[in-house]
Amino acid sequence: MSNELLSPVEMAEADRLAIAAGPLDGYGLMRRAGEAVAAVVLARYPAASRVHVLCGPGNNGGDGYVVARLLAEAGVNVAVWVSGKPRAGSDAAIVAAECPAKARPLAAFAAEKGSIIVDALYGAGLSKPLSGHDATAIEMAREIDLPVIAVDLPSGVSGASGAILGAAFSAEVTVTFARKKPGHLLLPGRERCAEVVLADIGIGDAVIAQLGVSTFENTPSLWR
């Protein structure tokens, strides 16, 4: 069944179980996630003058570094803006080191019309309100009316409840992995997600079955 909804805690457990089962490790899952997002960007925004990739310090940011590397390798004009460095030795730190685009501080973020944003700041696991430079970047995207492609969930939207935590991006496309989260479907978060693309990154049904999920998307297939 693919209409299970995973809380952020359940998604983290799914990652752990998938890594334990193999063949993909955390680095492999991160690369698969970044590949899925990059494919959406290349297919839907071929005319973008520049792609601004906003990377947080955690795994969501790691996905963003993979996206930036792949887009740069495809000849796209890429700028990378970071809200914090990944933890040394983490999968995010490894993919950050592989990214050829120079990382600049989010505090200096500036964008222009004709460009797009890949939001890889925080994803579904965010638990505190966004403020400071994060909120400033969100406001700039809104003022210029830039298309946003969100990685996992628009930053500022709670993956557990759909609540807006301080401020949040409004995405045109949200690319999430393995299963949707409650925040993709519950208001007001669902309005910020717009179209949700569910990507297979190698976390199989057998892994999801181990979680004992009790929340589901309400669809005809569920009732059947």
N, C-alpha and C. Protein backbone atom coordinates (compact mmCIF):
# COMPACT_ATOMS: atom_id res chain seq x y z
N MET A 1 0.86 -1.19 0.00
CA MET A 1 0.00 0.00 0.00
C MET A 1 0.90 1.24 0.00
N SER A 2 0.64 2.19 -0.88
CA SER A 2 1.51 3.36 -0.99
C SER A 2 0.85 4.62 -0.44
N ASN A 3 -0.32 4.48 0.24
CA ASN A 3 -0.97 5.69 0.77
C ASN A 3 -0.74 5.87 2.27
N GLU A 4 0.25 5.17 2.81
CA GLU A 4 0.65 5.46 4.19
C GLU A 4 1.23 6.87 4.27
N LEU A 5 0.98 7.53 5.38
CA LEU A 5 1.59 8.83 5.66
C LEU A 5 2.57 8.65 6.81
N LEU A 6 3.79 9.11 6.62
CA LEU A 6 4.83 8.92 7.63
C LEU A 6 5.08 10.22 8.38
N SER A 7 5.04 10.15 9.69
CA SER A 7 5.46 11.28 10.50
C SER A 7 6.96 11.47 10.32
N PRO A 8 7.50 12.63 10.69
CA PRO A 8 8.96 12.80 10.61
C PRO A 8 9.72 11.73 11.39
N VAL A 9 9.21 11.33 12.54
CA VAL A 9 9.87 10.29 13.33
C VAL A 9 9.85 8.96 12.58
N GLU A 10 8.70 8.62 11.98
CA GLU A 10 8.61 7.37 11.22
C GLU A 10 9.50 7.41 9.98
N MET A 11 9.60 8.57 9.34
CA MET A 11 10.46 8.66 8.16
C MET A 11 11.92 8.46 8.55
N ALA A 12 12.33 9.02 9.68
CA ALA A 12 13.71 8.81 10.14
C ALA A 12 13.97 7.33 10.43
N GLU A 13 12.97 6.66 10.99
CA GLU A 13 13.11 5.22 11.26
C GLU A 13 13.16 4.43 9.95
N ALA A 14 12.37 4.84 8.96
CA ALA A 14 12.42 4.18 7.65
C ALA A 14 13.81 4.31 7.03
N ASP A 15 14.40 5.50 7.14
CA ASP A 15 15.77 5.68 6.66
C ASP A 15 16.72 4.71 7.36
N ARG A 16 16.59 4.63 8.68
CA ARG A 16 17.48 3.78 9.46
C ARG A 16 17.34 2.32 9.06
N LEU A 17 16.10 1.86 8.93
CA LEU A 17 15.86 0.47 8.56
C LEU A 17 16.35 0.16 7.15
N ALA A 18 16.14 1.11 6.23
CA ALA A 18 16.59 0.90 4.86
C ALA A 18 18.11 0.82 4.78
N ILE A 19 18.79 1.67 5.55
CA ILE A 19 20.25 1.64 5.56
C ILE A 19 20.75 0.34 6.16
N ALA A 20 20.09 -0.12 7.23
CA ALA A 20 20.50 -1.38 7.86
C ALA A 20 20.31 -2.56 6.94
N ALA A 21 19.24 -2.52 6.12
CA ALA A 21 18.94 -3.63 5.21
C ALA A 21 19.80 -3.60 3.96
N GLY A 22 20.28 -2.41 3.56
CA GLY A 22 21.06 -2.28 2.34
C GLY A 22 20.18 -2.44 1.10
N PRO A 23 20.75 -2.35 -0.08
CA PRO A 23 22.18 -2.15 -0.36
C PRO A 23 22.63 -0.69 -0.24
N LEU A 24 21.70 0.25 -0.17
CA LEU A 24 22.07 1.66 -0.11
C LEU A 24 22.40 2.08 1.32
N ASP A 25 23.46 2.84 1.48
CA ASP A 25 23.75 3.46 2.77
C ASP A 25 23.15 4.86 2.79
N GLY A 26 23.40 5.63 3.86
CA GLY A 26 22.84 6.97 3.94
C GLY A 26 23.29 7.87 2.80
N TYR A 27 24.54 7.73 2.42
CA TYR A 27 25.07 8.50 1.30
C TYR A 27 24.33 8.15 0.00
N GLY A 28 24.07 6.84 -0.17
CA GLY A 28 23.36 6.40 -1.37
C GLY A 28 21.94 6.92 -1.43
N LEU A 29 21.23 6.90 -0.29
CA LEU A 29 19.87 7.44 -0.24
C LEU A 29 19.87 8.95 -0.54
N MET A 30 20.87 9.65 -0.01
CA MET A 30 20.96 11.10 -0.24
C MET A 30 21.18 11.39 -1.72
N ARG A 31 22.03 10.62 -2.34
CA ARG A 31 22.27 10.81 -3.78
C ARG A 31 21.01 10.54 -4.59
N ARG A 32 20.29 9.49 -4.22
CA ARG A 32 19.05 9.18 -4.95
C ARG A 32 18.03 10.30 -4.79
N ALA A 33 17.93 10.85 -3.59
CA ALA A 33 17.00 11.95 -3.34
C ALA A 33 17.37 13.17 -4.18
N GLY A 34 18.66 13.52 -4.18
CA GLY A 34 19.10 14.65 -4.97
C GLY A 34 18.88 14.45 -6.46
N GLU A 35 19.08 13.23 -6.92
CA GLU A 35 18.84 12.93 -8.34
C GLU A 35 17.38 13.14 -8.71
N ALA A 36 16.47 12.76 -7.82
CA ALA A 36 15.04 12.91 -8.10
C ALA A 36 14.67 14.39 -8.22
N VAL A 37 15.20 15.21 -7.33
CA VAL A 37 14.89 16.64 -7.38
C VAL A 37 15.52 17.29 -8.60
N ALA A 38 16.76 16.97 -8.88
CA ALA A 38 17.44 17.54 -10.05
C ALA A 38 16.69 17.21 -11.34
N ALA A 39 16.16 15.99 -11.44
CA ALA A 39 15.42 15.59 -12.63
C ALA A 39 14.18 16.44 -12.82
N VAL A 40 13.49 16.77 -11.72
CA VAL A 40 12.31 17.63 -11.80
C VAL A 40 12.70 19.04 -12.26
N VAL A 41 13.78 19.56 -11.70
CA VAL A 41 14.23 20.91 -12.07
C VAL A 41 14.58 20.96 -13.56
N LEU A 42 15.35 20.00 -14.03
CA LEU A 42 15.78 20.00 -15.43
C LEU A 42 14.60 19.84 -16.38
N ALA A 43 13.61 19.02 -15.98
CA ALA A 43 12.48 18.77 -16.86
C ALA A 43 11.51 19.94 -16.91
N ARG A 44 11.34 20.63 -15.80
CA ARG A 44 10.27 21.63 -15.71
C ARG A 44 10.75 23.07 -15.84
N TYR A 45 12.02 23.30 -15.60
CA TYR A 45 12.50 24.69 -15.61
C TYR A 45 13.75 24.83 -16.49
N PRO A 46 13.68 24.38 -17.74
CA PRO A 46 14.87 24.43 -18.59
C PRO A 46 15.29 25.85 -18.95
N ALA A 47 14.38 26.81 -18.83
CA ALA A 47 14.69 28.18 -19.23
C ALA A 47 15.14 29.06 -18.06
N ALA A 48 15.27 28.50 -16.88
CA ALA A 48 15.67 29.31 -15.72
C ALA A 48 17.05 29.91 -15.94
N SER A 49 17.19 31.21 -15.66
CA SER A 49 18.48 31.87 -15.85
C SER A 49 19.51 31.41 -14.82
N ARG A 50 19.04 31.07 -13.64
CA ARG A 50 19.90 30.58 -12.58
C ARG A 50 19.07 29.79 -11.58
N VAL A 51 19.70 28.80 -10.96
CA VAL A 51 19.04 28.04 -9.91
C VAL A 51 19.76 28.32 -8.60
N HIS A 52 19.03 28.89 -7.65
CA HIS A 52 19.56 29.15 -6.33
C HIS A 52 19.21 27.98 -5.43
N VAL A 53 20.21 27.26 -4.95
CA VAL A 53 19.98 26.11 -4.07
C VAL A 53 20.29 26.54 -2.65
N LEU A 54 19.28 26.48 -1.78
CA LEU A 54 19.41 26.89 -0.38
C LEU A 54 19.57 25.63 0.47
N CYS A 55 20.70 25.51 1.14
CA CYS A 55 21.03 24.28 1.87
C CYS A 55 21.12 24.52 3.36
N GLY A 56 20.41 23.71 4.12
CA GLY A 56 20.53 23.72 5.57
C GLY A 56 21.68 22.84 6.01
N PRO A 57 21.92 22.72 7.33
CA PRO A 57 23.07 21.97 7.84
C PRO A 57 22.85 20.46 7.95
N GLY A 58 21.60 20.00 7.76
CA GLY A 58 21.30 18.59 7.95
C GLY A 58 21.15 17.81 6.65
N ASN A 59 20.42 16.70 6.74
CA ASN A 59 20.27 15.83 5.57
C ASN A 59 19.50 16.49 4.44
N ASN A 60 18.54 17.37 4.77
CA ASN A 60 17.82 18.08 3.72
C ASN A 60 18.80 18.93 2.92
N GLY A 61 19.70 19.59 3.63
CA GLY A 61 20.74 20.35 2.95
C GLY A 61 21.65 19.46 2.12
N GLY A 62 21.91 18.26 2.64
CA GLY A 62 22.72 17.31 1.88
C GLY A 62 22.09 16.98 0.54
N ASP A 63 20.77 16.76 0.55
CA ASP A 63 20.06 16.54 -0.72
C ASP A 63 20.29 17.72 -1.65
N GLY A 64 20.26 18.94 -1.08
CA GLY A 64 20.45 20.14 -1.88
C GLY A 64 21.82 20.20 -2.53
N TYR A 65 22.87 19.81 -1.82
CA TYR A 65 24.22 19.79 -2.40
C TYR A 65 24.29 18.83 -3.59
N VAL A 66 23.61 17.69 -3.47
CA VAL A 66 23.57 16.76 -4.59
C VAL A 66 22.87 17.39 -5.78
N VAL A 67 21.74 18.06 -5.52
CA VAL A 67 21.01 18.75 -6.59
C VAL A 67 21.92 19.77 -7.28
N ALA A 68 22.61 20.58 -6.48
CA ALA A 68 23.47 21.62 -7.04
C ALA A 68 24.58 21.01 -7.90
N ARG A 69 25.18 19.92 -7.42
CA ARG A 69 26.25 19.28 -8.20
C ARG A 69 25.72 18.77 -9.54
N LEU A 70 24.60 18.09 -9.50
CA LEU A 70 24.05 17.52 -10.73
C LEU A 70 23.65 18.61 -11.72
N LEU A 71 23.06 19.68 -11.22
CA LEU A 71 22.66 20.77 -12.12
C LEU A 71 23.89 21.44 -12.72
N ALA A 72 24.92 21.64 -11.90
CA ALA A 72 26.16 22.24 -12.43
C ALA A 72 26.78 21.36 -13.50
N GLU A 73 26.77 20.06 -13.27
CA GLU A 73 27.32 19.12 -14.26
C GLU A 73 26.51 19.13 -15.55
N ALA A 74 25.22 19.50 -15.45
CA ALA A 74 24.36 19.58 -16.63
C ALA A 74 24.47 20.94 -17.33
N GLY A 75 25.34 21.81 -16.82
CA GLY A 75 25.55 23.10 -17.45
C GLY A 75 24.66 24.21 -16.96
N VAL A 76 23.94 23.98 -15.86
CA VAL A 76 23.04 24.99 -15.31
C VAL A 76 23.85 25.99 -14.48
N ASN A 77 23.46 27.25 -14.53
CA ASN A 77 24.05 28.30 -13.70
C ASN A 77 23.50 28.13 -12.28
N VAL A 78 24.35 27.70 -11.36
CA VAL A 78 23.91 27.34 -10.01
C VAL A 78 24.59 28.23 -8.97
N ALA A 79 23.82 28.68 -8.00
CA ALA A 79 24.36 29.37 -6.83
C ALA A 79 23.91 28.61 -5.59
N VAL A 80 24.82 28.39 -4.65
CA VAL A 80 24.52 27.66 -3.42
C VAL A 80 24.63 28.61 -2.23
N TRP A 81 23.57 28.60 -1.40
CA TRP A 81 23.51 29.46 -0.22
C TRP A 81 23.25 28.57 1.00
N VAL A 82 24.04 28.75 2.05
CA VAL A 82 23.96 27.82 3.18
C VAL A 82 23.62 28.55 4.48
N SER A 83 22.78 27.88 5.27
CA SER A 83 22.40 28.44 6.58
C SER A 83 23.25 27.90 7.70
N GLY A 84 24.11 26.94 7.40
CA GLY A 84 25.01 26.36 8.40
C GLY A 84 25.75 25.19 7.78
N LYS A 85 26.96 24.93 8.26
CA LYS A 85 27.77 23.85 7.71
C LYS A 85 27.30 22.50 8.23
N PRO A 86 27.37 21.46 7.38
CA PRO A 86 27.03 20.11 7.85
C PRO A 86 28.00 19.64 8.93
N ARG A 87 27.54 18.73 9.75
CA ARG A 87 28.40 18.15 10.78
C ARG A 87 29.54 17.38 10.12
N ALA A 88 30.75 17.58 10.62
CA ALA A 88 31.93 16.93 10.06
C ALA A 88 31.76 15.41 10.03
N GLY A 89 32.07 14.81 8.90
CA GLY A 89 31.97 13.37 8.75
C GLY A 89 30.60 12.85 8.39
N SER A 90 29.58 13.72 8.38
CA SER A 90 28.23 13.28 8.04
C SER A 90 28.09 13.09 6.53
N ASP A 91 27.02 12.39 6.13
CA ASP A 91 26.75 12.22 4.70
C ASP A 91 26.59 13.58 4.02
N ALA A 92 25.96 14.53 4.73
CA ALA A 92 25.78 15.86 4.16
C ALA A 92 27.12 16.55 3.92
N ALA A 93 28.07 16.36 4.84
CA ALA A 93 29.39 16.95 4.68
C ALA A 93 30.12 16.33 3.48
N ILE A 94 29.92 15.04 3.27
CA ILE A 94 30.58 14.36 2.14
C ILE A 94 30.06 14.91 0.82
N VAL A 95 28.74 15.02 0.68
CA VAL A 95 28.20 15.51 -0.60
C VAL A 95 28.47 17.01 -0.77
N ALA A 96 28.56 17.75 0.34
CA ALA A 96 28.92 19.16 0.24
C ALA A 96 30.31 19.32 -0.34
N ALA A 97 31.24 18.45 0.07
CA ALA A 97 32.61 18.51 -0.44
C ALA A 97 32.67 18.14 -1.92
N GLU A 98 31.71 17.36 -2.39
CA GLU A 98 31.68 16.96 -3.81
C GLU A 98 31.05 18.02 -4.71
N CYS A 99 30.39 19.01 -4.11
CA CYS A 99 29.66 20.00 -4.89
C CYS A 99 30.63 21.07 -5.40
N PRO A 100 30.69 21.30 -6.72
CA PRO A 100 31.65 22.26 -7.27
C PRO A 100 31.24 23.72 -7.08
N ALA A 101 29.97 23.98 -6.82
CA ALA A 101 29.51 25.35 -6.67
C ALA A 101 29.97 25.91 -5.33
N LYS A 102 30.47 27.13 -5.33
CA LYS A 102 30.94 27.77 -4.10
C LYS A 102 29.76 28.04 -3.17
N ALA A 103 29.90 27.63 -1.92
CA ALA A 103 28.85 27.86 -0.93
C ALA A 103 28.98 29.26 -0.35
N ARG A 104 27.88 30.01 -0.38
CA ARG A 104 27.86 31.36 0.17
C ARG A 104 26.87 31.42 1.32
N PRO A 105 27.08 32.32 2.28
CA PRO A 105 26.19 32.37 3.46
C PRO A 105 24.79 32.86 3.08
N LEU A 106 23.79 32.23 3.67
CA LEU A 106 22.41 32.62 3.40
C LEU A 106 22.17 34.08 3.80
N ALA A 107 22.96 34.59 4.71
CA ALA A 107 22.82 35.99 5.14
C ALA A 107 23.01 36.96 3.97
N ALA A 108 23.75 36.52 2.94
CA ALA A 108 24.02 37.37 1.78
C ALA A 108 23.11 37.03 0.60
N PHE A 109 22.10 36.22 0.82
CA PHE A 109 21.26 35.73 -0.29
C PHE A 109 20.65 36.87 -1.10
N ALA A 110 20.79 36.75 -2.41
CA ALA A 110 20.18 37.70 -3.34
C ALA A 110 19.78 36.92 -4.58
N ALA A 111 18.60 37.17 -5.08
CA ALA A 111 18.10 36.48 -6.26
C ALA A 111 17.56 37.49 -7.25
N GLU A 112 17.27 37.02 -8.45
CA GLU A 112 16.82 37.90 -9.51
C GLU A 112 15.67 37.25 -10.27
N LYS A 113 14.85 38.06 -10.90
CA LYS A 113 13.76 37.54 -11.71
C LYS A 113 14.32 36.66 -12.82
N GLY A 114 13.57 35.60 -13.14
CA GLY A 114 14.03 34.66 -14.13
C GLY A 114 14.74 33.46 -13.54
N SER A 115 15.11 33.58 -12.25
CA SER A 115 15.76 32.46 -11.57
C SER A 115 14.72 31.65 -10.80
N ILE A 116 15.15 30.53 -10.25
CA ILE A 116 14.29 29.70 -9.42
C ILE A 116 15.05 29.32 -8.15
N ILE A 117 14.31 28.84 -7.16
CA ILE A 117 14.89 28.43 -5.88
C ILE A 117 14.63 26.95 -5.64
N VAL A 118 15.67 26.24 -5.24
CA VAL A 118 15.51 24.90 -4.69
C VAL A 118 15.67 25.04 -3.19
N ASP A 119 14.59 24.79 -2.47
CA ASP A 119 14.56 24.92 -1.01
C ASP A 119 14.96 23.60 -0.38
N ALA A 120 16.22 23.54 0.08
CA ALA A 120 16.72 22.36 0.78
C ALA A 120 17.23 22.77 2.16
N LEU A 121 16.47 23.65 2.82
CA LEU A 121 16.90 24.15 4.12
C LEU A 121 16.62 23.16 5.24
N TYR A 122 15.33 22.75 5.41
CA TYR A 122 15.00 21.98 6.61
C TYR A 122 14.10 20.77 6.38
N GLY A 123 13.19 20.78 5.43
CA GLY A 123 12.38 19.61 5.20
C GLY A 123 11.37 19.33 6.29
N ALA A 124 10.92 18.07 6.36
CA ALA A 124 9.79 17.70 7.20
C ALA A 124 10.11 17.69 8.69
N GLY A 125 11.38 17.60 9.05
CA GLY A 125 11.73 17.42 10.45
C GLY A 125 11.80 18.71 11.26
N LEU A 126 11.50 19.85 10.64
CA LEU A 126 11.60 21.12 11.36
C LEU A 126 10.63 21.14 12.54
N SER A 127 11.12 21.63 13.70
CA SER A 127 10.28 21.63 14.90
C SER A 127 10.20 22.99 15.58
N LYS A 128 10.90 24.00 15.04
CA LYS A 128 10.86 25.33 15.65
C LYS A 128 10.62 26.38 14.57
N PRO A 129 10.05 27.52 14.94
CA PRO A 129 9.73 28.55 13.95
C PRO A 129 10.97 29.07 13.23
N LEU A 130 10.81 29.35 11.95
CA LEU A 130 11.89 29.96 11.18
C LEU A 130 11.96 31.45 11.47
N SER A 131 13.16 31.97 11.47
CA SER A 131 13.35 33.40 11.72
C SER A 131 14.67 33.82 11.09
N GLY A 132 15.07 35.05 11.30
CA GLY A 132 16.36 35.52 10.85
C GLY A 132 16.55 35.43 9.35
N HIS A 133 17.72 34.94 8.94
CA HIS A 133 18.06 34.89 7.51
C HIS A 133 17.15 33.92 6.75
N ASP A 134 16.69 32.85 7.42
CA ASP A 134 15.76 31.93 6.77
C ASP A 134 14.48 32.67 6.37
N ALA A 135 13.92 33.40 7.30
CA ALA A 135 12.68 34.13 7.03
C ALA A 135 12.91 35.23 5.99
N THR A 136 14.08 35.85 6.00
CA THR A 136 14.39 36.89 5.02
C THR A 136 14.42 36.31 3.61
N ALA A 137 15.02 35.12 3.46
CA ALA A 137 15.06 34.46 2.15
C ALA A 137 13.66 34.12 1.66
N ILE A 138 12.81 33.66 2.57
CA ILE A 138 11.43 33.34 2.21
C ILE A 138 10.71 34.59 1.73
N GLU A 139 10.90 35.70 2.43
CA GLU A 139 10.25 36.95 2.05
C GLU A 139 10.75 37.45 0.70
N MET A 140 12.04 37.30 0.44
CA MET A 140 12.59 37.73 -0.85
C MET A 140 11.99 36.91 -1.99
N ALA A 141 11.87 35.61 -1.80
CA ALA A 141 11.27 34.76 -2.83
C ALA A 141 9.83 35.17 -3.11
N ARG A 142 9.12 35.55 -2.05
CA ARG A 142 7.73 35.97 -2.22
C ARG A 142 7.64 37.30 -2.95
N GLU A 143 8.49 38.25 -2.58
CA GLU A 143 8.44 39.57 -3.19
C GLU A 143 8.76 39.53 -4.68
N ILE A 144 9.75 38.72 -5.06
CA ILE A 144 10.15 38.63 -6.47
C ILE A 144 9.27 37.64 -7.22
N ASP A 145 8.49 36.86 -6.47
CA ASP A 145 7.60 35.84 -7.05
C ASP A 145 8.40 34.79 -7.83
N LEU A 146 9.40 34.22 -7.15
CA LEU A 146 10.23 33.20 -7.77
C LEU A 146 9.63 31.82 -7.58
N PRO A 147 9.68 30.97 -8.61
CA PRO A 147 9.25 29.57 -8.44
C PRO A 147 10.15 28.87 -7.43
N VAL A 148 9.54 28.09 -6.56
CA VAL A 148 10.28 27.34 -5.54
C VAL A 148 10.02 25.85 -5.72
N ILE A 149 11.08 25.07 -5.76
CA ILE A 149 10.98 23.61 -5.75
C ILE A 149 11.45 23.17 -4.38
N ALA A 150 10.57 22.58 -3.60
CA ALA A 150 10.89 22.20 -2.22
C ALA A 150 11.38 20.76 -2.16
N VAL A 151 12.43 20.56 -1.38
CA VAL A 151 12.96 19.22 -1.14
C VAL A 151 12.30 18.65 0.12
N ASP A 152 11.51 17.62 -0.07
CA ASP A 152 10.76 16.93 0.99
C ASP A 152 9.52 17.70 1.41
N LEU A 153 9.69 18.94 1.89
CA LEU A 153 8.57 19.77 2.33
C LEU A 153 9.05 21.21 2.32
N PRO A 154 8.21 22.18 1.96
CA PRO A 154 8.67 23.56 2.02
C PRO A 154 9.15 23.91 3.43
N SER A 155 10.33 24.50 3.53
CA SER A 155 10.86 24.86 4.84
C SER A 155 9.91 25.81 5.53
N GLY A 156 9.64 25.51 6.80
CA GLY A 156 8.67 26.28 7.58
C GLY A 156 7.35 25.58 7.75
N VAL A 157 7.12 24.49 7.02
CA VAL A 157 5.90 23.69 7.17
C VAL A 157 6.21 22.48 8.04
N SER A 158 5.41 22.26 9.06
CA SER A 158 5.59 21.08 9.91
C SER A 158 5.20 19.82 9.16
N GLY A 159 6.11 18.86 9.10
CA GLY A 159 5.78 17.60 8.46
C GLY A 159 4.75 16.80 9.22
N ALA A 160 4.67 17.04 10.52
CA ALA A 160 3.74 16.29 11.37
C ALA A 160 2.32 16.82 11.30
N SER A 161 2.16 18.16 11.18
CA SER A 161 0.83 18.75 11.32
C SER A 161 0.40 19.66 10.19
N GLY A 162 1.34 20.08 9.34
CA GLY A 162 1.01 21.06 8.31
C GLY A 162 0.99 22.49 8.81
N ALA A 163 1.29 22.71 10.09
CA ALA A 163 1.31 24.06 10.64
C ALA A 163 2.47 24.85 10.04
N ILE A 164 2.30 26.18 9.96
CA ILE A 164 3.37 27.06 9.51
C ILE A 164 4.17 27.50 10.72
N LEU A 165 5.45 27.23 10.70
CA LEU A 165 6.32 27.53 11.84
C LEU A 165 7.05 28.84 11.59
N GLY A 166 6.41 29.92 11.94
CA GLY A 166 6.99 31.24 11.77
C GLY A 166 6.80 31.79 10.38
N ALA A 167 7.48 31.23 9.39
CA ALA A 167 7.36 31.60 7.99
C ALA A 167 7.63 30.35 7.18
N ALA A 168 7.15 30.31 5.94
CA ALA A 168 7.35 29.12 5.12
C ALA A 168 7.35 29.49 3.64
N PHE A 169 8.15 28.76 2.88
CA PHE A 169 8.12 28.90 1.43
C PHE A 169 6.79 28.42 0.88
N SER A 170 6.39 28.99 -0.24
CA SER A 170 5.27 28.49 -1.03
C SER A 170 5.84 27.87 -2.29
N ALA A 171 5.79 26.57 -2.39
CA ALA A 171 6.42 25.86 -3.51
C ALA A 171 5.47 25.74 -4.69
N GLU A 172 6.06 25.62 -5.87
CA GLU A 172 5.29 25.21 -7.06
C GLU A 172 5.27 23.70 -7.15
N VAL A 173 6.37 23.08 -6.76
CA VAL A 173 6.49 21.62 -6.77
C VAL A 173 7.23 21.22 -5.50
N THR A 174 6.73 20.19 -4.84
CA THR A 174 7.40 19.61 -3.67
C THR A 174 7.76 18.17 -4.00
N VAL A 175 9.04 17.84 -3.90
CA VAL A 175 9.50 16.48 -4.18
C VAL A 175 9.79 15.80 -2.85
N THR A 176 9.04 14.76 -2.55
CA THR A 176 9.25 14.03 -1.30
C THR A 176 9.59 12.59 -1.62
N PHE A 177 9.93 11.82 -0.59
CA PHE A 177 10.56 10.53 -0.79
C PHE A 177 9.88 9.40 -0.01
N ALA A 178 9.76 8.28 -0.65
CA ALA A 178 9.20 7.04 -0.07
C ALA A 178 7.70 7.12 0.16
N ARG A 179 7.25 8.04 1.01
CA ARG A 179 5.83 8.25 1.27
C ARG A 179 5.60 9.73 1.57
N LYS A 180 4.36 10.19 1.40
CA LYS A 180 4.00 11.55 1.81
C LYS A 180 3.98 11.64 3.33
N LYS A 181 4.00 12.86 3.83
CA LYS A 181 3.92 13.14 5.25
C LYS A 181 2.58 13.84 5.53
N PRO A 182 2.08 13.82 6.75
CA PRO A 182 0.82 14.53 7.05
C PRO A 182 0.85 15.99 6.63
N GLY A 183 1.99 16.64 6.77
CA GLY A 183 2.10 18.05 6.41
C GLY A 183 1.86 18.35 4.94
N HIS A 184 1.99 17.33 4.08
CA HIS A 184 1.69 17.53 2.67
C HIS A 184 0.19 17.69 2.42
N LEU A 185 -0.62 17.15 3.31
CA LEU A 185 -2.07 17.08 3.06
C LEU A 185 -2.88 17.97 3.99
N LEU A 186 -2.36 18.30 5.16
CA LEU A 186 -3.12 19.07 6.14
C LEU A 186 -2.92 20.56 5.93
N LEU A 187 -4.01 21.30 6.04
CA LEU A 187 -3.94 22.76 5.96
C LEU A 187 -3.29 23.33 7.22
N PRO A 188 -2.58 24.46 7.07
CA PRO A 188 -2.36 25.24 5.84
C PRO A 188 -1.17 24.76 5.01
N GLY A 189 -0.44 23.75 5.52
CA GLY A 189 0.76 23.31 4.81
C GLY A 189 0.50 22.83 3.40
N ARG A 190 -0.63 22.17 3.18
CA ARG A 190 -0.87 21.61 1.85
C ARG A 190 -0.92 22.70 0.79
N GLU A 191 -1.36 23.90 1.16
CA GLU A 191 -1.38 25.01 0.20
C GLU A 191 0.03 25.46 -0.16
N ARG A 192 0.97 25.27 0.76
CA ARG A 192 2.35 25.67 0.49
C ARG A 192 3.11 24.62 -0.32
N CYS A 193 2.59 23.39 -0.35
CA CYS A 193 3.26 22.31 -1.07
C CYS A 193 2.92 22.30 -2.55
N ALA A 194 1.70 22.76 -2.90
CA ALA A 194 1.20 22.70 -4.28
C ALA A 194 1.30 21.26 -4.79
N GLU A 195 1.90 21.05 -5.95
CA GLU A 195 2.00 19.69 -6.49
C GLU A 195 3.05 18.91 -5.72
N VAL A 196 2.70 17.71 -5.30
CA VAL A 196 3.64 16.84 -4.58
C VAL A 196 4.06 15.69 -5.49
N VAL A 197 5.35 15.59 -5.74
CA VAL A 197 5.92 14.50 -6.52
C VAL A 197 6.54 13.51 -5.55
N LEU A 198 6.09 12.26 -5.60
CA LEU A 198 6.59 11.22 -4.71
C LEU A 198 7.65 10.41 -5.44
N ALA A 199 8.89 10.46 -4.95
CA ALA A 199 10.01 9.81 -5.62
C ALA A 199 10.44 8.55 -4.87
N ASP A 200 10.74 7.51 -5.63
CA ASP A 200 11.27 6.27 -5.08
C ASP A 200 12.79 6.39 -4.98
N ILE A 201 13.32 6.37 -3.76
CA ILE A 201 14.78 6.48 -3.60
C ILE A 201 15.39 5.18 -3.07
N GLY A 202 14.60 4.12 -3.02
CA GLY A 202 15.14 2.83 -2.59
C GLY A 202 14.69 2.37 -1.23
N ILE A 203 13.68 3.04 -0.66
CA ILE A 203 13.08 2.59 0.61
C ILE A 203 11.84 1.78 0.25
N GLY A 204 11.94 0.47 0.30
CA GLY A 204 10.91 -0.40 -0.23
C GLY A 204 9.71 -0.59 0.69
N ASP A 205 8.68 -1.24 0.13
CA ASP A 205 7.46 -1.50 0.89
C ASP A 205 7.72 -2.35 2.13
N ALA A 206 8.69 -3.25 2.05
CA ALA A 206 8.98 -4.11 3.20
C ALA A 206 9.49 -3.29 4.39
N VAL A 207 10.22 -2.23 4.11
CA VAL A 207 10.70 -1.35 5.17
C VAL A 207 9.52 -0.60 5.79
N ILE A 208 8.65 -0.06 4.94
CA ILE A 208 7.49 0.69 5.44
C ILE A 208 6.60 -0.21 6.29
N ALA A 209 6.47 -1.46 5.89
CA ALA A 209 5.60 -2.40 6.62
C ALA A 209 6.07 -2.62 8.05
N GLN A 210 7.36 -2.44 8.30
CA GLN A 210 7.90 -2.65 9.65
C GLN A 210 7.54 -1.51 10.61
N LEU A 211 7.03 -0.41 10.09
CA LEU A 211 6.81 0.77 10.92
C LEU A 211 5.49 0.75 11.67
N GLY A 212 4.55 -0.11 11.25
CA GLY A 212 3.24 -0.14 11.90
C GLY A 212 2.49 1.17 11.73
N VAL A 213 2.52 1.73 10.53
CA VAL A 213 1.91 3.04 10.27
C VAL A 213 0.41 2.98 10.50
N SER A 214 -0.15 4.02 11.11
CA SER A 214 -1.59 4.06 11.39
C SER A 214 -2.27 5.29 10.80
N THR A 215 -1.57 6.03 9.95
CA THR A 215 -2.14 7.22 9.31
C THR A 215 -2.03 7.06 7.81
N PHE A 216 -3.14 7.35 7.11
CA PHE A 216 -3.19 7.09 5.67
C PHE A 216 -3.85 8.25 4.93
N GLU A 217 -3.46 8.40 3.66
CA GLU A 217 -4.13 9.35 2.80
C GLU A 217 -5.50 8.79 2.42
N ASN A 218 -6.53 9.62 2.54
CA ASN A 218 -7.89 9.16 2.30
C ASN A 218 -8.16 9.11 0.80
N THR A 219 -8.05 7.92 0.23
CA THR A 219 -8.27 7.70 -1.20
C THR A 219 -9.16 6.50 -1.40
N PRO A 220 -9.77 6.37 -2.59
CA PRO A 220 -10.60 5.20 -2.87
C PRO A 220 -9.87 3.87 -2.66
N SER A 221 -8.57 3.84 -2.98
CA SER A 221 -7.84 2.58 -2.82
C SER A 221 -7.76 2.16 -1.37
N LEU A 222 -7.73 3.11 -0.45
CA LEU A 222 -7.71 2.76 0.98
C LEU A 222 -8.98 2.04 1.36
N TRP A 223 -10.13 2.55 0.90
CA TRP A 223 -11.41 1.93 1.25
C TRP A 223 -11.60 0.58 0.58
N ARG A 224 -11.06 0.43 -0.63
CA ARG A 224 -11.14 -0.89 -1.26
C ARG A 224 -10.35 -1.92 -0.47
